[in-house]
Amino acid sequence: MSLELDTPRLTLRQWRDQDIDAYAGICGDEEVMRYLGGHTLSREDAWRHMAVMAGHWQLKGFGHWAVEHKASGACIGRVGFLQPEGWPGFEIGWCLSREYQGQGLASEAARVALNWAFSDPNRQEVISIIHPDNLASKRLALALGERYWRDEVVRGFEVEIYGITREQYLESTR
């Protein structure tokens, strides 16, 4: 499976050390981080988080890509998959810099990522773990074909689980 994906406006690629300035800016934005743990990250913690995402690829064969905006060349966020130890399932997630939100870029990136996930014939479902108040993420999950599945507590946070099965995904692409 490819480690780099392209859309008309974006490149989803592996992380680079030089992404830290942009990623630290994203992680330091209170509005962006409001539903992602509820607090901002220091530059050092943003670097560690970036390293965890890069390492996830090494350990699991999947992870979050750095999202690069083709027109500007800027790293504008992350989109991809996580399933660390104790996680409730194979999760697709997204996080973009505030200045790039509301332009359909998260949807564009998540759609190509979801297609990548279901290109694995053994992948039976994909979930999204969403803070109950995060209406934008709920709208995106629904636009991807996901549906609300259940409430759950994940790492001490009350969340909603949205999901899509392989069968539902394949039906939606016909």
C-alpha atoms as a PDB file:
ATOM      1  CA  MET A   1       0.000   0.000   0.000  1.00  0.00           C
ATOM      2  CA  SER A   2       1.202   3.481  -0.873  1.00  0.00           C
ATOM      3  CA  LEU A   3       2.650   5.666   1.851  1.00  0.00           C
ATOM      4  CA  GLU A   4       1.745   8.820  -0.094  1.00  0.00           C
ATOM      5  CA  LEU A   5      -1.648   9.814  -1.450  1.00  0.00           C
ATOM      6  CA  ASP A   6      -2.627  12.700  -3.697  1.00  0.00           C
ATOM      7  CA  THR A   7      -5.834  14.634  -4.161  1.00  0.00           C
ATOM      8  CA  PRO A   8      -6.362  17.633  -6.434  1.00  0.00           C
ATOM      9  CA  ARG A   9      -5.293  20.052  -3.682  1.00  0.00           C
ATOM     10  CA  LEU A  10      -3.371  17.937  -1.192  1.00  0.00           C
ATOM     11  CA  THR A  11      -0.565  15.459  -0.711  1.00  0.00           C
ATOM     12  CA  LEU A  12      -0.848  13.057   2.207  1.00  0.00           C
ATOM     13  CA  ARG A  13       2.729  12.106   3.014  1.00  0.00           C
ATOM     14  CA  GLN A  14       5.005  10.815   5.714  1.00  0.00           C
ATOM     15  CA  TRP A  15       6.143  13.165   8.461  1.00  0.00           C
ATOM     16  CA  ARG A  16       9.322  15.233   8.174  1.00  0.00           C
ATOM     17  CA  ASP A  17      11.266  16.804  11.016  1.00  0.00           C
ATOM     18  CA  GLN A  18      10.740  20.216   9.404  1.00  0.00           C
ATOM     19  CA  ASP A  19       6.945  19.823   9.880  1.00  0.00           C
ATOM     20  CA  ILE A  20       7.385  20.722  13.548  1.00  0.00           C
ATOM     21  CA  ASP A  21       6.895  24.485  13.113  1.00  0.00           C
ATOM     22  CA  ALA A  22       3.534  24.060  11.393  1.00  0.00           C
ATOM     23  CA  TYR A  23       2.418  21.178  13.593  1.00  0.00           C
ATOM     24  CA  ALA A  24       3.376  22.973  16.809  1.00  0.00           C
ATOM     25  CA  GLY A  25       1.298  25.930  15.610  1.00  0.00           C
ATOM     26  CA  ILE A  26      -1.703  23.667  15.050  1.00  0.00           C
ATOM     27  CA  CYS A  27      -1.281  21.936  18.424  1.00  0.00           C
ATOM     28  CA  GLY A  28      -0.865  25.303  20.143  1.00  0.00           C
ATOM     29  CA  ASP A  29      -4.194  26.634  18.840  1.00  0.00           C
ATOM     30  CA  GLU A  30      -6.850  26.425  21.561  1.00  0.00           C
ATOM     31  CA  GLU A  31      -9.695  26.401  19.052  1.00  0.00           C
ATOM     32  CA  VAL A  32      -8.206  23.516  17.036  1.00  0.00           C
ATOM     33  CA  MET A  33      -7.401  21.479  20.154  1.00  0.00           C
ATOM     34  CA  ARG A  34     -10.703  22.109  21.933  1.00  0.00           C
ATOM     35  CA  TYR A  35     -12.066  18.651  21.025  1.00  0.00           C
ATOM     36  CA  LEU A  36      -8.723  16.848  20.811  1.00  0.00           C
ATOM     37  CA  GLY A  37      -7.946  16.336  24.460  1.00  0.00           C
ATOM     38  CA  GLY A  38      -9.166  19.774  25.457  1.00  0.00           C
ATOM     39  CA  HIS A  39      -5.788  21.456  25.835  1.00  0.00           C
ATOM     40  CA  THR A  40      -2.986  22.789  23.689  1.00  0.00           C
ATOM     41  CA  LEU A  41       0.399  21.106  23.373  1.00  0.00           C
ATOM     42  CA  SER A  42       3.778  22.713  23.877  1.00  0.00           C
ATOM     43  CA  ARG A  43       6.230  22.604  20.973  1.00  0.00           C
ATOM     44  CA  GLU A  44       8.046  19.718  22.659  1.00  0.00           C
ATOM     45  CA  ASP A  45       4.819  17.757  23.180  1.00  0.00           C
ATOM     46  CA  ALA A  46       3.746  18.477  19.586  1.00  0.00           C
ATOM     47  CA  TRP A  47       7.074  16.998  18.415  1.00  0.00           C
ATOM     48  CA  ARG A  48       6.492  13.906  20.569  1.00  0.00           C
ATOM     49  CA  HIS A  49       2.978  13.555  19.160  1.00  0.00           C
ATOM     50  CA  MET A  50       4.354  13.867  15.628  1.00  0.00           C
ATOM     51  CA  ALA A  51       6.900  11.151  16.483  1.00  0.00           C
ATOM     52  CA  VAL A  52       4.141   8.878  17.809  1.00  0.00           C
ATOM     53  CA  MET A  53       2.238   9.267  14.539  1.00  0.00           C
ATOM     54  CA  ALA A  54       5.369   8.526  12.508  1.00  0.00           C
ATOM     55  CA  GLY A  55       6.140   5.529  14.718  1.00  0.00           C
ATOM     56  CA  HIS A  56       2.606   4.200  14.346  1.00  0.00           C
ATOM     57  CA  TRP A  57       3.440   3.568  10.673  1.00  0.00           C
ATOM     58  CA  GLN A  58       6.487   1.527  11.674  1.00  0.00           C
ATOM     59  CA  LEU A  59       4.647  -0.563  14.256  1.00  0.00           C
ATOM     60  CA  LYS A  60       1.258  -1.010  12.585  1.00  0.00           C
ATOM     61  CA  GLY A  61       1.766  -0.327   8.869  1.00  0.00           C
ATOM     62  CA  PHE A  62      -0.681   2.588   8.974  1.00  0.00           C
ATOM     63  CA  GLY A  63      -0.971   5.935  10.703  1.00  0.00           C
ATOM     64  CA  HIS A  64      -1.687   9.599  10.206  1.00  0.00           C
ATOM     65  CA  TRP A  65      -0.205  11.304   7.193  1.00  0.00           C
ATOM     66  CA  ALA A  66       1.045  14.861   7.271  1.00  0.00           C
ATOM     67  CA  VAL A  67      -1.301  16.848   5.012  1.00  0.00           C
ATOM     68  CA  GLU A  68       0.544  19.141   2.632  1.00  0.00           C
ATOM     69  CA  HIS A  69      -1.321  21.874   0.769  1.00  0.00           C
ATOM     70  CA  LYS A  70      -0.068  21.670  -2.819  1.00  0.00           C
ATOM     71  CA  ALA A  71      -0.544  25.334  -3.704  1.00  0.00           C
ATOM     72  CA  SER A  72       1.393  26.645  -0.705  1.00  0.00           C
ATOM     73  CA  GLY A  73       3.616  23.675   0.137  1.00  0.00           C
ATOM     74  CA  ALA A  74       2.567  24.104   3.778  1.00  0.00           C
ATOM     75  CA  CYS A  75       1.948  21.273   6.220  1.00  0.00           C
ATOM     76  CA  ILE A  76      -1.632  22.060   7.239  1.00  0.00           C
ATOM     77  CA  GLY A  77      -2.479  19.153   9.531  1.00  0.00           C
ATOM     78  CA  ARG A  78      -2.942  15.414   9.700  1.00  0.00           C
ATOM     79  CA  VAL A  79      -5.356  12.774   8.462  1.00  0.00           C
ATOM     80  CA  GLY A  80      -5.167   9.029   8.818  1.00  0.00           C
ATOM     81  CA  PHE A  81      -5.574   6.026  11.043  1.00  0.00           C
ATOM     82  CA  LEU A  82      -4.758   5.006  14.574  1.00  0.00           C
ATOM     83  CA  GLN A  83      -5.298   1.872  16.582  1.00  0.00           C
ATOM     84  CA  PRO A  84      -3.012   1.987  19.603  1.00  0.00           C
ATOM     85  CA  GLU A  85      -3.187  -0.601  22.357  1.00  0.00           C
ATOM     86  CA  GLY A  86      -6.610  -0.576  24.028  1.00  0.00           C
ATOM     87  CA  TRP A  87      -8.305   1.471  21.271  1.00  0.00           C
ATOM     88  CA  PRO A  88     -11.915   0.602  20.394  1.00  0.00           C
ATOM     89  CA  GLY A  89     -11.174   0.018  16.692  1.00  0.00           C
ATOM     90  CA  PHE A  90      -9.403   1.107  13.515  1.00  0.00           C
ATOM     91  CA  GLU A  91      -9.983   4.860  13.679  1.00  0.00           C
ATOM     92  CA  ILE A  92      -9.864   7.482  10.956  1.00  0.00           C
ATOM     93  CA  GLY A  93      -9.174  10.947  12.303  1.00  0.00           C
ATOM     94  CA  TRP A  94      -8.397  14.422  11.034  1.00  0.00           C
ATOM     95  CA  CYS A  95      -7.065  17.720  12.282  1.00  0.00           C
ATOM     96  CA  LEU A  96      -6.336  20.759  10.130  1.00  0.00           C
ATOM     97  CA  SER A  97      -4.960  24.189  10.876  1.00  0.00           C
ATOM     98  CA  ARG A  98      -7.767  26.637  11.544  1.00  0.00           C
ATOM     99  CA  GLU A  99      -6.890  28.755   8.494  1.00  0.00           C
ATOM    100  CA  TYR A 100      -7.519  25.742   6.224  1.00  0.00           C
ATOM    101  CA  GLN A 101     -10.787  24.628   7.805  1.00  0.00           C
ATOM    102  CA  GLY A 102     -14.125  25.153   6.076  1.00  0.00           C
ATOM    103  CA  GLN A 103     -12.708  24.636   2.562  1.00  0.00           C
ATOM    104  CA  GLY A 104     -13.546  20.954   2.110  1.00  0.00           C
ATOM    105  CA  LEU A 105      -9.902  19.952   2.584  1.00  0.00           C
ATOM    106  CA  ALA A 106     -10.508  17.606   5.536  1.00  0.00           C
ATOM    107  CA  SER A 107     -13.201  15.855   3.516  1.00  0.00           C
ATOM    108  CA  GLU A 108     -10.919  15.604   0.485  1.00  0.00           C
ATOM    109  CA  ALA A 109      -8.123  14.103   2.560  1.00  0.00           C
ATOM    110  CA  ALA A 110     -10.370  11.790   4.585  1.00  0.00           C
ATOM    111  CA  ARG A 111     -12.052  10.403   1.458  1.00  0.00           C
ATOM    112  CA  VAL A 112      -8.772   9.376  -0.155  1.00  0.00           C
ATOM    113  CA  ALA A 113      -7.596   7.948   3.187  1.00  0.00           C
ATOM    114  CA  LEU A 114     -10.811   5.948   3.619  1.00  0.00           C
ATOM    115  CA  ASN A 115     -10.414   4.582   0.098  1.00  0.00           C
ATOM    116  CA  TRP A 116      -6.857   3.561   1.031  1.00  0.00           C
ATOM    117  CA  ALA A 117      -8.119   1.791   4.168  1.00  0.00           C
ATOM    118  CA  PHE A 118     -10.751  -0.214   2.329  1.00  0.00           C
ATOM    119  CA  SER A 119      -8.300  -1.167  -0.424  1.00  0.00           C
ATOM    120  CA  ASP A 120      -7.162  -3.727   2.176  1.00  0.00           C
ATOM    121  CA  PRO A 121      -9.576  -6.620   1.555  1.00  0.00           C
ATOM    122  CA  ASN A 122      -9.301  -7.667   5.213  1.00  0.00           C
ATOM    123  CA  ARG A 123     -10.442  -4.291   6.590  1.00  0.00           C
ATOM    124  CA  GLN A 124     -14.006  -4.821   7.805  1.00  0.00           C
ATOM    125  CA  GLU A 125     -14.796  -1.467   9.420  1.00  0.00           C
ATOM    126  CA  VAL A 126     -13.504   1.996  10.197  1.00  0.00           C
ATOM    127  CA  ILE A 127     -14.579   4.127  13.149  1.00  0.00           C
ATOM    128  CA  SER A 128     -14.267   7.749  14.184  1.00  0.00           C
ATOM    129  CA  ILE A 129     -14.034   8.755  17.837  1.00  0.00           C
ATOM    130  CA  ILE A 130     -15.707  12.143  18.186  1.00  0.00           C
ATOM    131  CA  HIS A 131     -16.252  14.512  21.097  1.00  0.00           C
ATOM    132  CA  PRO A 132     -20.040  14.909  21.546  1.00  0.00           C
ATOM    133  CA  ASP A 133     -19.867  18.692  20.968  1.00  0.00           C
ATOM    134  CA  ASN A 134     -17.711  18.514  17.815  1.00  0.00           C
ATOM    135  CA  LEU A 135     -20.409  19.176  15.234  1.00  0.00           C
ATOM    136  CA  ALA A 136     -17.964  19.751  12.353  1.00  0.00           C
ATOM    137  CA  SER A 137     -16.382  16.325  12.830  1.00  0.00           C
ATOM    138  CA  LYS A 138     -19.799  14.699  13.091  1.00  0.00           C
ATOM    139  CA  ARG A 139     -20.810  16.311   9.785  1.00  0.00           C
ATOM    140  CA  LEU A 140     -17.627  15.056   8.146  1.00  0.00           C
ATOM    141  CA  ALA A 141     -18.095  11.529   9.513  1.00  0.00           C
ATOM    142  CA  LEU A 142     -21.644  11.479   8.127  1.00  0.00           C
ATOM    143  CA  ALA A 143     -20.456  12.851   4.775  1.00  0.00           C
ATOM    144  CA  LEU A 144     -17.941   9.984   4.608  1.00  0.00           C
ATOM    145  CA  GLY A 145     -20.821   7.525   5.023  1.00  0.00           C
ATOM    146  CA  GLU A 146     -20.236   6.821   8.688  1.00  0.00           C
ATOM    147  CA  ARG A 147     -23.157   6.555  11.080  1.00  0.00           C
ATOM    148  CA  TYR A 148     -23.477   6.995  14.833  1.00  0.00           C
ATOM    149  CA  TRP A 149     -22.840   3.621  16.500  1.00  0.00           C
ATOM    150  CA  ARG A 150     -22.593   4.196  20.255  1.00  0.00           C
ATOM    151  CA  ASP A 151     -21.382   6.265  23.195  1.00  0.00           C
ATOM    152  CA  GLU A 152     -18.183   5.135  24.877  1.00  0.00           C
ATOM    153  CA  VAL A 153     -15.518   6.307  27.315  1.00  0.00           C
ATOM    154  CA  VAL A 154     -12.043   6.340  25.733  1.00  0.00           C
ATOM    155  CA  ARG A 155      -9.070   7.200  27.925  1.00  0.00           C
ATOM    156  CA  GLY A 156     -11.354   8.933  30.402  1.00  0.00           C
ATOM    157  CA  PHE A 157     -13.252  10.996  27.809  1.00  0.00           C
ATOM    158  CA  GLU A 158     -16.918  10.523  26.946  1.00  0.00           C
ATOM    159  CA  VAL A 159     -17.079  10.217  23.158  1.00  0.00           C
ATOM    160  CA  GLU A 160     -19.364   9.140  20.368  1.00  0.00           C
ATOM    161  CA  ILE A 161     -18.287   6.366  18.043  1.00  0.00           C
ATOM    162  CA  TYR A 162     -19.232   6.726  14.394  1.00  0.00           C
ATOM    163  CA  GLY A 163     -18.428   3.983  11.924  1.00  0.00           C
ATOM    164  CA  ILE A 164     -18.771   2.437   8.510  1.00  0.00           C
ATOM    165  CA  THR A 165     -18.485  -1.196   7.496  1.00  0.00           C
ATOM    166  CA  ARG A 166     -16.713  -2.433   4.412  1.00  0.00           C
ATOM    167  CA  GLU A 167     -20.062  -3.406   2.897  1.00  0.00           C
ATOM    168  CA  GLN A 168     -21.524   0.065   3.515  1.00  0.00           C
ATOM    169  CA  TYR A 169     -18.427   1.715   2.067  1.00  0.00           C
ATOM    170  CA  LEU A 170     -18.446  -0.427  -1.075  1.00  0.00           C
ATOM    171  CA  GLU A 171     -22.164   0.225  -1.554  1.00  0.00           C
ATOM    172  CA  SER A 172     -21.596   3.980  -1.253  1.00  0.00           C
ATOM    173  CA  THR A 173     -18.918   3.962  -3.973  1.00  0.00           C
ATOM    174  CA  ARG A 174     -21.024   2.154  -6.580  1.00  0.00           C
END
